[in-house]
Amino acid sequence: MDLKTINITDPCEVQTVFDNLLDCRNREDLAKQYDKIAPDYDMVADGNYFGPAETAAKLQEIEPNKNACILDVGCGTGLVGKAVWNVGYLNLYGIDMSEISLNIASEKGVYSKLINATFGPETPLNYRDESEHDLLSKDT
């Protein structure tokens, strides 16, 4: 199913997209599925999707330091990163398994660095020891 052809106000059609993601058997298949939907993913922001704005508001409650380093885990196309940037957090880093999503996130111009990888205990982040980052993840 192509995101361009679904009615984002129809929960059944949206559920089909998510079911396809949940049916993936491994990380490679999941990355391919996200690569497939990435070009149209931002259209969810045009609907009734308030997740990025809610996440940015919550971040302001728990991390008042706007100079904090924020690692957006599963940053996708950068919807949350853009919302966080818009409220003044300018030291953003993103990690995602979908290279196409990262290309779209890069176009938003809000991340200092983007990393193409799955996030787990084995993920090399290449930050110096004892560096401090706040982790942020929405819909991941």
Protein backbone atom coordinates (compact mmCIF):
# COMPACT_ATOMS: atom_id res chain seq x y z
CA MET A 1 0.00 0.00 0.00
CA ASP A 2 1.28 3.44 -0.97
CA LEU A 3 0.76 6.23 1.57
CA LYS A 4 -0.35 8.53 -1.25
CA THR A 5 -3.35 6.31 -1.91
CA ILE A 6 -4.62 5.94 1.64
CA ASN A 7 -7.16 8.07 3.41
CA ILE A 8 -5.31 9.13 6.55
CA THR A 9 -8.63 9.90 8.23
CA ASP A 10 -9.68 6.25 7.79
CA PRO A 11 -8.31 4.26 10.74
CA CYS A 12 -8.60 0.98 8.81
CA GLU A 13 -6.40 2.20 5.98
CA VAL A 14 -3.82 3.64 8.35
CA GLN A 15 -3.88 0.40 10.34
CA THR A 16 -2.94 -1.53 7.19
CA VAL A 17 0.26 0.50 6.87
CA PHE A 18 1.15 -0.22 10.49
CA ASP A 19 0.25 -3.90 10.10
CA ASN A 20 2.73 -4.13 7.22
CA LEU A 21 5.40 -2.72 9.53
CA LEU A 22 4.52 -5.15 12.31
CA ASP A 23 4.66 -8.10 9.90
CA CYS A 24 8.35 -7.53 9.20
CA ARG A 25 10.46 -10.48 10.32
CA ASN A 26 13.81 -8.75 10.82
CA ARG A 27 15.48 -5.34 10.94
CA GLU A 28 16.39 -5.40 7.26
CA ASP A 29 12.77 -5.98 6.22
CA LEU A 30 11.62 -3.25 8.58
CA ALA A 31 14.16 -0.79 7.16
CA LYS A 32 12.97 -1.63 3.63
CA GLN A 33 9.34 -1.06 4.64
CA TYR A 34 10.19 2.33 6.15
CA ASP A 35 12.23 3.20 3.04
CA LYS A 36 9.13 2.40 1.00
CA ILE A 37 6.80 4.72 2.94
CA ALA A 38 9.34 7.45 3.78
CA PRO A 39 8.71 9.70 0.76
CA ASP A 40 5.07 10.13 1.79
CA TYR A 41 5.41 9.82 5.57
CA ASP A 42 5.31 13.54 6.34
CA MET A 43 1.77 13.76 5.03
CA VAL A 44 0.68 12.46 8.44
CA ALA A 45 1.64 15.89 9.77
CA ASP A 46 -1.10 17.35 7.60
CA GLY A 47 -3.71 15.24 9.38
CA ASN A 48 -4.58 15.12 13.05
CA TYR A 49 -1.15 13.98 14.20
CA PHE A 50 0.01 16.02 17.16
CA GLY A 51 2.77 13.67 18.36
CA PRO A 52 5.72 15.90 17.40
CA ALA A 53 4.26 19.01 19.04
CA GLU A 54 3.29 17.04 22.16
CA THR A 55 6.79 15.55 22.35
CA ALA A 56 8.40 18.98 22.02
CA ALA A 57 6.14 20.35 24.77
CA LYS A 58 7.00 17.43 27.08
CA LEU A 59 10.72 17.88 26.38
CA GLN A 60 10.46 21.50 27.52
CA GLU A 61 8.98 20.27 30.82
CA ILE A 62 11.71 17.72 31.54
CA GLU A 63 14.76 19.39 29.95
CA PRO A 64 14.74 23.16 30.37
CA ASN A 65 18.31 23.52 29.03
CA LYS A 66 17.87 24.46 25.37
CA ASN A 67 21.60 23.77 24.82
CA ALA A 68 21.22 20.12 25.82
CA CYS A 69 22.34 17.47 23.33
CA ILE A 70 19.23 15.61 22.19
CA LEU A 71 19.48 12.21 20.46
CA ASP A 72 16.28 11.51 18.50
CA VAL A 73 16.16 7.70 18.38
CA GLY A 74 14.16 6.48 15.40
CA CYS A 75 14.05 10.02 14.03
CA GLY A 76 12.52 8.93 10.72
CA THR A 77 11.83 11.87 8.44
CA GLY A 78 12.47 14.38 11.21
CA LEU A 79 8.94 15.39 12.19
CA VAL A 80 9.77 15.36 15.90
CA GLY A 81 13.19 16.92 15.32
CA LYS A 82 11.59 19.82 13.47
CA ALA A 83 9.08 20.36 16.31
CA VAL A 84 11.86 20.23 18.92
CA TRP A 85 13.97 22.64 16.84
CA ASN A 86 11.01 25.01 16.57
CA VAL A 87 10.83 25.35 20.37
CA GLY A 88 14.53 26.18 20.64
CA TYR A 89 16.55 22.94 20.99
CA LEU A 90 19.25 23.35 18.37
CA ASN A 91 21.72 20.61 19.36
CA LEU A 92 19.90 17.67 17.76
CA TYR A 93 21.24 14.33 16.59
CA GLY A 94 19.19 11.63 14.89
CA ILE A 95 19.47 7.90 14.37
CA ASP A 96 17.24 5.79 12.14
CA MET A 97 17.36 2.53 10.21
CA SER A 98 15.83 4.01 7.04
CA GLU A 99 18.33 5.75 4.80
CA ILE A 100 15.56 7.36 2.75
CA SER A 101 13.93 8.71 5.93
CA LEU A 102 17.28 10.18 6.98
CA ASN A 103 17.66 11.89 3.61
CA ILE A 104 14.28 13.55 4.15
CA ALA A 105 15.20 14.46 7.74
CA SER A 106 18.44 16.00 6.48
CA GLU A 107 16.48 18.30 4.15
CA LYS A 108 14.76 19.82 7.20
CA GLY A 109 18.14 21.20 8.31
CA VAL A 110 17.57 20.72 12.04
CA TYR A 111 19.99 17.89 12.90
CA SER A 112 23.68 18.38 13.66
CA LYS A 113 24.34 14.76 12.71
CA LEU A 114 22.29 11.86 11.36
CA ILE A 115 23.29 8.21 11.77
CA ASN A 116 21.96 5.35 9.64
CA ALA A 117 21.74 2.41 12.04
CA THR A 118 19.39 0.41 14.16
CA PHE A 119 19.50 1.44 17.78
CA GLY A 120 20.50 -1.18 20.29
CA PRO A 121 23.27 -2.18 22.68
CA GLU A 122 25.58 -2.91 19.74
CA THR A 123 25.01 0.43 17.99
CA PRO A 124 28.25 2.44 17.77
CA LEU A 125 27.37 6.08 18.32
CA ASN A 126 30.91 7.46 18.17
CA TYR A 127 30.44 9.96 20.98
CA ARG A 128 33.23 10.45 23.48
CA ASP A 129 32.93 8.56 26.76
CA GLU A 130 30.94 10.32 29.44
CA SER A 131 29.32 12.70 26.96
CA GLU A 132 25.76 13.47 27.93
CA HIS A 133 22.73 13.27 25.66
CA ASP A 134 19.02 13.26 26.36
CA LEU A 135 17.31 10.47 24.45
CA LEU A 136 14.06 11.17 22.68
CA SER A 137 11.87 8.66 20.87
CA LYS A 138 8.33 8.99 19.55
CA ASP A 139 6.39 6.26 17.73
CA THR A 140 9.46 4.04 17.53
